[in-house]
């Protein structure tokens, strides 16, 4: 399964995190967020503004994919 399944109009909710993780920059903690959400299945996550800015600067495509994945998983991202 490829990450395209996460971003297209198909059955995105079933796309596993393992398809997403290889496409994220390993130098950010975005992978940790994805892993925690997949494991704990929270309804919402709190993301500090500094982290969001760093993801947008260091891995904008990765953040876009992770953000879409979170939306499909119906996880609300709260920015502080």
PDB file of N, CA and C in Angstrom:
ATOM      1  N   UNK A   1       0.847  -1.168   0.000  1.00  0.00           N
ATOM      2  CA  UNK A   1       0.000   0.000   0.000  1.00  0.00           C
ATOM      3  C   UNK A   1       0.897   1.236   0.000  1.00  0.00           C
ATOM      4  N   UNK A   2       0.598   2.207  -0.813  1.00  0.00           N
ATOM      5  CA  UNK A   2       1.424   3.396  -0.903  1.00  0.00           C
ATOM      6  C   UNK A   2       0.765   4.562  -0.202  1.00  0.00           C
ATOM      7  N   UNK A   3       1.524   5.623   0.010  1.00  0.00           N
ATOM      8  CA  UNK A   3       0.990   6.815   0.642  1.00  0.00           C
ATOM      9  C   UNK A   3      -0.050   7.478  -0.239  1.00  0.00           C
ATOM     10  N   UNK A   4      -0.020   7.222  -1.549  1.00  0.00           N
ATOM     11  CA  UNK A   4      -1.032   7.779  -2.432  1.00  0.00           C
ATOM     12  C   UNK A   4      -2.426   7.430  -1.929  1.00  0.00           C
ATOM     13  N   UNK A   5      -2.566   6.284  -1.295  1.00  0.00           N
ATOM     14  CA  UNK A   5      -3.862   5.897  -0.765  1.00  0.00           C
ATOM     15  C   UNK A   5      -4.313   6.836   0.343  1.00  0.00           C
ATOM     16  N   UNK A   6      -3.368   7.460   0.989  1.00  0.00           N
ATOM     17  CA  UNK A   6      -3.697   8.401   2.052  1.00  0.00           C
ATOM     18  C   UNK A   6      -4.201   9.709   1.459  1.00  0.00           C
ATOM     19  N   UNK A   7      -3.710  10.063   0.310  1.00  0.00           N
ATOM     20  CA  UNK A   7      -3.992  11.376  -0.234  1.00  0.00           C
ATOM     21  C   UNK A   7      -5.064  11.392  -1.304  1.00  0.00           C
ATOM     22  N   UNK A   8      -5.395  10.256  -1.879  1.00  0.00           N
ATOM     23  CA  UNK A   8      -6.393  10.281  -2.942  1.00  0.00           C
ATOM     24  C   UNK A   8      -7.793  10.102  -2.366  1.00  0.00           C
ATOM     25  N   UNK A   9      -8.773   9.970  -3.204  1.00  0.00           N
ATOM     26  CA  UNK A   9     -10.148   9.862  -2.752  1.00  0.00           C
ATOM     27  C   UNK A   9     -10.564   8.454  -2.397  1.00  0.00           C
ATOM     28  N   UNK A  10      -9.651   7.509  -2.343  1.00  0.00           N
ATOM     29  CA  UNK A  10      -9.977   6.118  -2.041  1.00  0.00           C
ATOM     30  C   UNK A  10     -10.247   5.887  -0.578  1.00  0.00           C
ATOM     31  N   UNK A  11     -10.127   4.666  -0.150  1.00  0.00           N
ATOM     32  CA  UNK A  11     -10.420   4.285   1.225  1.00  0.00           C
ATOM     33  C   UNK A  11      -9.243   4.658   2.108  1.00  0.00           C
ATOM     34  N   UNK A  12      -9.116   5.921   2.376  1.00  0.00           N
ATOM     35  CA  UNK A  12      -7.949   6.450   3.068  1.00  0.00           C
ATOM     36  C   UNK A  12      -7.894   6.077   4.538  1.00  0.00           C
ATOM     37  N   UNK A  13      -9.021   5.865   5.161  1.00  0.00           N
ATOM     38  CA  UNK A  13      -9.033   5.584   6.592  1.00  0.00           C
ATOM     39  C   UNK A  13      -8.315   4.280   6.929  1.00  0.00           C
ATOM     40  N   UNK A  14      -8.198   3.396   5.965  1.00  0.00           N
ATOM     41  CA  UNK A  14      -7.536   2.112   6.218  1.00  0.00           C
ATOM     42  C   UNK A  14      -6.044   2.148   5.914  1.00  0.00           C
ATOM     43  N   UNK A  15      -5.564   3.265   5.389  1.00  0.00           N
ATOM     44  CA  UNK A  15      -4.143   3.363   5.052  1.00  0.00           C
ATOM     45  C   UNK A  15      -3.322   3.295   6.340  1.00  0.00           C
ATOM     46  N   UNK A  16      -2.406   2.353   6.441  1.00  0.00           N
ATOM     47  CA  UNK A  16      -1.634   2.204   7.672  1.00  0.00           C
ATOM     48  C   UNK A  16      -0.526   3.237   7.795  1.00  0.00           C
ATOM     49  N   UNK A  17      -0.115   3.449   9.031  1.00  0.00           N
ATOM     50  CA  UNK A  17       0.977   4.399   9.282  1.00  0.00           C
ATOM     51  C   UNK A  17       2.272   3.927   8.634  1.00  0.00           C
ATOM     52  N   UNK A  18       2.437   2.605   8.475  1.00  0.00           N
ATOM     53  CA  UNK A  18       3.673   2.099   7.892  1.00  0.00           C
ATOM     54  C   UNK A  18       3.848   2.579   6.459  1.00  0.00           C
ATOM     55  N   UNK A  19       2.755   2.899   5.785  1.00  0.00           N
ATOM     56  CA  UNK A  19       2.852   3.444   4.430  1.00  0.00           C
ATOM     57  C   UNK A  19       3.274   4.900   4.470  1.00  0.00           C
ATOM     58  N   UNK A  20       2.968   5.576   5.552  1.00  0.00           N
ATOM     59  CA  UNK A  20       3.270   6.998   5.684  1.00  0.00           C
ATOM     60  C   UNK A  20       4.675   7.247   6.226  1.00  0.00           C
ATOM     61  N   UNK A  21       5.096   6.493   7.208  1.00  0.00           N
ATOM     62  CA  UNK A  21       6.362   6.765   7.902  1.00  0.00           C
ATOM     63  C   UNK A  21       7.585   6.878   6.996  1.00  0.00           C
ATOM     64  N   UNK A  22       7.763   6.024   5.990  1.00  0.00           N
ATOM     65  CA  UNK A  22       8.957   6.157   5.148  1.00  0.00           C
ATOM     66  C   UNK A  22       9.006   7.466   4.360  1.00  0.00           C
ATOM     67  N   UNK A  23       7.874   8.132   4.234  1.00  0.00           N
ATOM     68  CA  UNK A  23       7.835   9.366   3.463  1.00  0.00           C
ATOM     69  C   UNK A  23       8.028  10.608   4.312  1.00  0.00           C
ATOM     70  N   UNK A  24       8.209  10.438   5.620  1.00  0.00           N
ATOM     71  CA  UNK A  24       8.421  11.576   6.511  1.00  0.00           C
ATOM     72  C   UNK A  24       9.911  11.768   6.758  1.00  0.00           C
ATOM     73  N   UNK A  25      10.292  13.006   6.985  1.00  0.00           N
ATOM     74  CA  UNK A  25      11.681  13.330   7.277  1.00  0.00           C
ATOM     75  C   UNK A  25      12.050  12.724   8.639  1.00  0.00           C
ATOM     76  N   UNK A  26      13.039  11.855   8.687  1.00  0.00           N
ATOM     77  CA  UNK A  26      13.397  11.228   9.959  1.00  0.00           C
ATOM     78  C   UNK A  26      14.051  12.198  10.943  1.00  0.00           C
ATOM     79  N   UNK A  27      14.385  13.405  10.490  1.00  0.00           N
ATOM     80  CA  UNK A  27      15.007  14.394  11.363  1.00  0.00           C
ATOM     81  C   UNK A  27      13.988  15.240  12.114  1.00  0.00           C
ATOM     82  N   UNK A  28      12.729  14.894  12.023  1.00  0.00           N
ATOM     83  CA  UNK A  28      11.693  15.595  12.780  1.00  0.00           C
ATOM     84  C   UNK A  28      11.006  14.600  13.705  1.00  0.00           C
ATOM     85  N   UNK A  29      10.259  15.116  14.665  1.00  0.00           N
ATOM     86  CA  UNK A  29       9.523  14.223  15.555  1.00  0.00           C
ATOM     87  C   UNK A  29       8.110  13.955  15.041  1.00  0.00           C
ATOM     88  N   UNK A  30       7.872  14.278  13.789  1.00  0.00           N
ATOM     89  CA  UNK A  30       6.582  14.018  13.166  1.00  0.00           C
ATOM     90  C   UNK A  30       6.288  12.516  13.125  1.00  0.00           C
ATOM     91  N   UNK A  31       7.323  11.717  12.917  1.00  0.00           N
ATOM     92  CA  UNK A  31       7.118  10.264  12.916  1.00  0.00           C
ATOM     93  C   UNK A  31       6.629   9.785  14.288  1.00  0.00           C
ATOM     94  N   UNK A  32       7.161  10.385  15.340  1.00  0.00           N
ATOM     95  CA  UNK A  32       6.718  10.032  16.693  1.00  0.00           C
ATOM     96  C   UNK A  32       5.250  10.358  16.915  1.00  0.00           C
ATOM     97  N   UNK A  33       4.814  11.493  16.382  1.00  0.00           N
ATOM     98  CA  UNK A  33       3.406  11.868  16.495  1.00  0.00           C
ATOM     99  C   UNK A  33       2.528  10.844  15.790  1.00  0.00           C
ATOM    100  N   UNK A  34       2.900  10.469  14.580  1.00  0.00           N
ATOM    101  CA  UNK A  34       2.116   9.499  13.812  1.00  0.00           C
ATOM    102  C   UNK A  34       2.074   8.160  14.549  1.00  0.00           C
ATOM    103  N   UNK A  35       3.195   7.727  15.072  1.00  0.00           N
ATOM    104  CA  UNK A  35       3.233   6.450  15.790  1.00  0.00           C
ATOM    105  C   UNK A  35       2.369   6.489  17.044  1.00  0.00           C
ATOM    106  N   UNK A  36       2.440   7.598  17.803  1.00  0.00           N
ATOM    107  CA  UNK A  36       1.626   7.716  19.018  1.00  0.00           C
ATOM    108  C   UNK A  36       0.135   7.715  18.696  1.00  0.00           C
ATOM    109  N   UNK A  37      -0.238   8.452  17.666  1.00  0.00           N
ATOM    110  CA  UNK A  37      -1.651   8.498  17.284  1.00  0.00           C
ATOM    111  C   UNK A  37      -2.127   7.115  16.855  1.00  0.00           C
ATOM    112  N   UNK A  38      -1.315   6.419  16.099  1.00  0.00           N
ATOM    113  CA  UNK A  38      -1.708   5.085  15.645  1.00  0.00           C
ATOM    114  C   UNK A  38      -1.857   4.124  16.822  1.00  0.00           C
ATOM    115  N   UNK A  39      -0.993   4.252  17.807  1.00  0.00           N
ATOM    116  CA  UNK A  39      -1.022   3.356  18.959  1.00  0.00           C
ATOM    117  C   UNK A  39      -2.131   3.732  19.940  1.00  0.00           C
ATOM    118  N   UNK A  40      -2.233   5.017  20.290  1.00  0.00           N
ATOM    119  CA  UNK A  40      -3.147   5.447  21.349  1.00  0.00           C
ATOM    120  C   UNK A  40      -4.549   5.796  20.846  1.00  0.00           C
ATOM    121  N   UNK A  41      -4.667   6.121  19.568  1.00  0.00           N
ATOM    122  CA  UNK A  41      -5.938   6.474  18.942  1.00  0.00           C
ATOM    123  C   UNK A  41      -6.694   7.584  19.672  1.00  0.00           C
ATOM    124  N   UNK A  42      -6.011   8.717  19.935  1.00  0.00           N
ATOM    125  CA  UNK A  42      -6.680   9.820  20.629  1.00  0.00           C
ATOM    126  C   UNK A  42      -7.657  10.548  19.703  1.00  0.00           C
ATOM    127  N   UNK A  43      -8.593  11.254  20.302  1.00  0.00           N
ATOM    128  CA  UNK A  43      -9.541  12.056  19.521  1.00  0.00           C
ATOM    129  C   UNK A  43      -8.902  13.374  19.094  1.00  0.00           C
ATOM    130  N   UNK A  44      -7.885  13.796  19.851  1.00  0.00           N
ATOM    131  CA  UNK A  44      -7.194  15.054  19.521  1.00  0.00           C
ATOM    132  C   UNK A  44      -5.746  14.997  20.010  1.00  0.00           C
ATOM    133  N   UNK A  45      -4.912  15.798  19.380  1.00  0.00           N
ATOM    134  CA  UNK A  45      -3.523  15.946  19.794  1.00  0.00           C
ATOM    135  C   UNK A  45      -3.212  17.434  19.892  1.00  0.00           C
ATOM    136  N   UNK A  46      -2.351  17.776  20.818  1.00  0.00           N
ATOM    137  CA  UNK A  46      -1.916  19.156  20.986  1.00  0.00           C
ATOM    138  C   UNK A  46      -0.541  19.282  20.350  1.00  0.00           C
ATOM    139  N   UNK A  47      -0.417  20.260  19.449  1.00  0.00           N
ATOM    140  CA  UNK A  47       0.835  20.467  18.733  1.00  0.00           C
ATOM    141  C   UNK A  47       1.329  21.887  19.010  1.00  0.00           C
ATOM    142  N   UNK A  48       2.494  22.023  19.635  1.00  0.00           N
ATOM    143  CA  UNK A  48       3.041  23.361  19.853  1.00  0.00           C
ATOM    144  C   UNK A  48       3.301  24.068  18.521  1.00  0.00           C
ATOM    145  N   UNK A  49       3.100  25.364  18.522  1.00  0.00           N
ATOM    146  CA  UNK A  49       3.300  26.152  17.308  1.00  0.00           C
ATOM    147  C   UNK A  49       4.717  25.990  16.770  1.00  0.00           C
ATOM    148  N   UNK A  50       5.699  25.892  17.665  1.00  0.00           N
ATOM    149  CA  UNK A  50       7.092  25.735  17.224  1.00  0.00           C
ATOM    150  C   UNK A  50       7.284  24.426  16.464  1.00  0.00           C
ATOM    151  N   UNK A  51       6.641  23.364  16.914  1.00  0.00           N
ATOM    152  CA  UNK A  51       6.751  22.080  16.222  1.00  0.00           C
ATOM    153  C   UNK A  51       6.101  22.152  14.849  1.00  0.00           C
ATOM    154  N   UNK A  52       4.932  22.744  14.789  1.00  0.00           N
ATOM    155  CA  UNK A  52       4.245  22.875  13.504  1.00  0.00           C
ATOM    156  C   UNK A  52       5.085  23.691  12.519  1.00  0.00           C
ATOM    157  N   UNK A  53       5.656  24.782  12.990  1.00  0.00           N
ATOM    158  CA  UNK A  53       6.512  25.607  12.134  1.00  0.00           C
ATOM    159  C   UNK A  53       7.714  24.803  11.642  1.00  0.00           C
ATOM    160  N   UNK A  54       8.317  24.035  12.539  1.00  0.00           N
ATOM    161  CA  UNK A  54       9.481  23.221  12.154  1.00  0.00           C
ATOM    162  C   UNK A  54       9.095  22.183  11.107  1.00  0.00           C
ATOM    163  N   UNK A  55       7.962  21.519  11.288  1.00  0.00           N
ATOM    164  CA  UNK A  55       7.522  20.522  10.307  1.00  0.00           C
ATOM    165  C   UNK A  55       7.265  21.169   8.961  1.00  0.00           C
ATOM    166  N   UNK A  56       6.621  22.327   8.992  1.00  0.00           N
ATOM    167  CA  UNK A  56       6.326  23.022   7.737  1.00  0.00           C
ATOM    168  C   UNK A  56       7.605  23.444   7.014  1.00  0.00           C
ATOM    169  N   UNK A  57       8.648  23.799   7.770  1.00  0.00           N
ATOM    170  CA  UNK A  57       9.907  24.230   7.165  1.00  0.00           C
ATOM    171  C   UNK A  57      10.787  23.055   6.745  1.00  0.00           C
ATOM    172  N   UNK A  58      10.898  22.030   7.589  1.00  0.00           N
ATOM    173  CA  UNK A  58      11.819  20.916   7.337  1.00  0.00           C
ATOM    174  C   UNK A  58      11.231  19.809   6.472  1.00  0.00           C
ATOM    175  N   UNK A  59       9.920  19.633   6.556  1.00  0.00           N
ATOM    176  CA  UNK A  59       9.279  18.535   5.839  1.00  0.00           C
ATOM    177  C   UNK A  59       7.846  18.922   5.463  1.00  0.00           C
ATOM    178  N   UNK A  60       7.702  19.950   4.605  1.00  0.00           N
ATOM    179  CA  UNK A  60       6.345  20.415   4.289  1.00  0.00           C
ATOM    180  C   UNK A  60       5.474  19.344   3.637  1.00  0.00           C
ATOM    181  N   UNK A  61       6.054  18.550   2.766  1.00  0.00           N
ATOM    182  CA  UNK A  61       5.272  17.477   2.134  1.00  0.00           C
ATOM    183  C   UNK A  61       4.886  16.430   3.167  1.00  0.00           C
ATOM    184  N   UNK A  62       5.796  16.118   4.064  1.00  0.00           N
ATOM    185  CA  UNK A  62       5.515  15.154   5.124  1.00  0.00           C
ATOM    186  C   UNK A  62       4.412  15.642   6.050  1.00  0.00           C
ATOM    187  N   UNK A  63       4.467  16.926   6.436  1.00  0.00           N
ATOM    188  CA  UNK A  63       3.432  17.468   7.296  1.00  0.00           C
ATOM    189  C   UNK A  63       2.083  17.446   6.583  1.00  0.00           C
ATOM    190  N   UNK A  64       2.069  17.758   5.301  1.00  0.00           N
ATOM    191  CA  UNK A  64       0.809  17.730   4.538  1.00  0.00           C
ATOM    192  C   UNK A  64       0.235  16.310   4.535  1.00  0.00           C
ATOM    193  N   UNK A  65       1.088  15.310   4.335  1.00  0.00           N
ATOM    194  CA  UNK A  65       0.630  13.923   4.323  1.00  0.00           C
ATOM    195  C   UNK A  65       0.176  13.473   5.707  1.00  0.00           C
ATOM    196  N   UNK A  66       0.959  13.833   6.724  1.00  0.00           N
ATOM    197  CA  UNK A  66       0.595  13.454   8.093  1.00  0.00           C
ATOM    198  C   UNK A  66      -0.693  14.156   8.514  1.00  0.00           C
ATOM    199  N   UNK A  67      -0.835  15.409   8.151  1.00  0.00           N
ATOM    200  CA  UNK A  67      -2.034  16.167   8.470  1.00  0.00           C
ATOM    201  C   UNK A  67      -3.262  15.534   7.810  1.00  0.00           C
ATOM    202  N   UNK A  68      -3.117  15.131   6.558  1.00  0.00           N
ATOM    203  CA  UNK A  68      -4.217  14.460   5.854  1.00  0.00           C
ATOM    204  C   UNK A  68      -4.530  13.122   6.521  1.00  0.00           C
ATOM    205  N   UNK A  69      -3.501  12.391   6.912  1.00  0.00           N
ATOM    206  CA  UNK A  69      -3.691  11.102   7.585  1.00  0.00           C
ATOM    207  C   UNK A  69      -4.426  11.297   8.906  1.00  0.00           C
ATOM    208  N   UNK A  70      -4.024  12.333   9.680  1.00  0.00           N
ATOM    209  CA  UNK A  70      -4.697  12.636  10.944  1.00  0.00           C
ATOM    210  C   UNK A  70      -6.164  12.981  10.719  1.00  0.00           C
ATOM    211  N   UNK A  71      -6.429  13.734   9.670  1.00  0.00           N
ATOM    212  CA  UNK A  71      -7.813  14.098   9.361  1.00  0.00           C
ATOM    213  C   UNK A  71      -8.644  12.871   9.032  1.00  0.00           C
ATOM    214  N   UNK A  72      -8.075  11.962   8.264  1.00  0.00           N
ATOM    215  CA  UNK A  72      -8.778  10.727   7.917  1.00  0.00           C
ATOM    216  C   UNK A  72      -9.050   9.899   9.171  1.00  0.00           C
ATOM    217  N   UNK A  73      -8.111   9.913  10.087  1.00  0.00           N
ATOM    218  CA  UNK A  73      -8.268   9.185  11.352  1.00  0.00           C
ATOM    219  C   UNK A  73      -9.181   9.935  12.320  1.00  0.00           C
ATOM    220  N   UNK A  74      -9.697  11.094  11.891  1.00  0.00           N
ATOM    221  CA  UNK A  74     -10.585  11.941  12.678  1.00  0.00           C
ATOM    222  C   UNK A  74      -9.944  12.403  13.980  1.00  0.00           C
ATOM    223  N   UNK A  75      -8.659  12.748  13.887  1.00  0.00           N
ATOM    224  CA  UNK A  75      -7.920  13.281  15.013  1.00  0.00           C
ATOM    225  C   UNK A  75      -7.847  14.797  14.846  1.00  0.00           C
ATOM    226  N   UNK A  76      -8.349  15.516  15.813  1.00  0.00           N
ATOM    227  CA  UNK A  76      -8.308  16.968  15.797  1.00  0.00           C
ATOM    228  C   UNK A  76      -6.922  17.417  16.253  1.00  0.00           C
ATOM    229  N   UNK A  77      -6.314  18.305  15.472  1.00  0.00           N
ATOM    230  CA  UNK A  77      -5.009  18.854  15.822  1.00  0.00           C
ATOM    231  C   UNK A  77      -5.235  20.222  16.445  1.00  0.00           C
ATOM    232  N   UNK A  78      -4.832  20.356  17.714  1.00  0.00           N
ATOM    233  CA  UNK A  78      -4.977  21.608  18.436  1.00  0.00           C
ATOM    234  C   UNK A  78      -3.616  22.281  18.479  1.00  0.00           C
ATOM    235  N   UNK A  79      -3.541  23.482  17.930  1.00  0.00           N
ATOM    236  CA  UNK A  79      -2.281  24.235  17.892  1.00  0.00           C
ATOM    237  C   UNK A  79      -2.234  25.180  19.083  1.00  0.00           C
ATOM    238  N   UNK A  80      -1.108  25.155  19.799  1.00  0.00           N
ATOM    239  CA  UNK A  80      -0.939  26.096  20.919  1.00  0.00           C
ATOM    240  C   UNK A  80       0.293  26.930  20.714  1.00  0.00           C
TER     241      UNK A  80
END
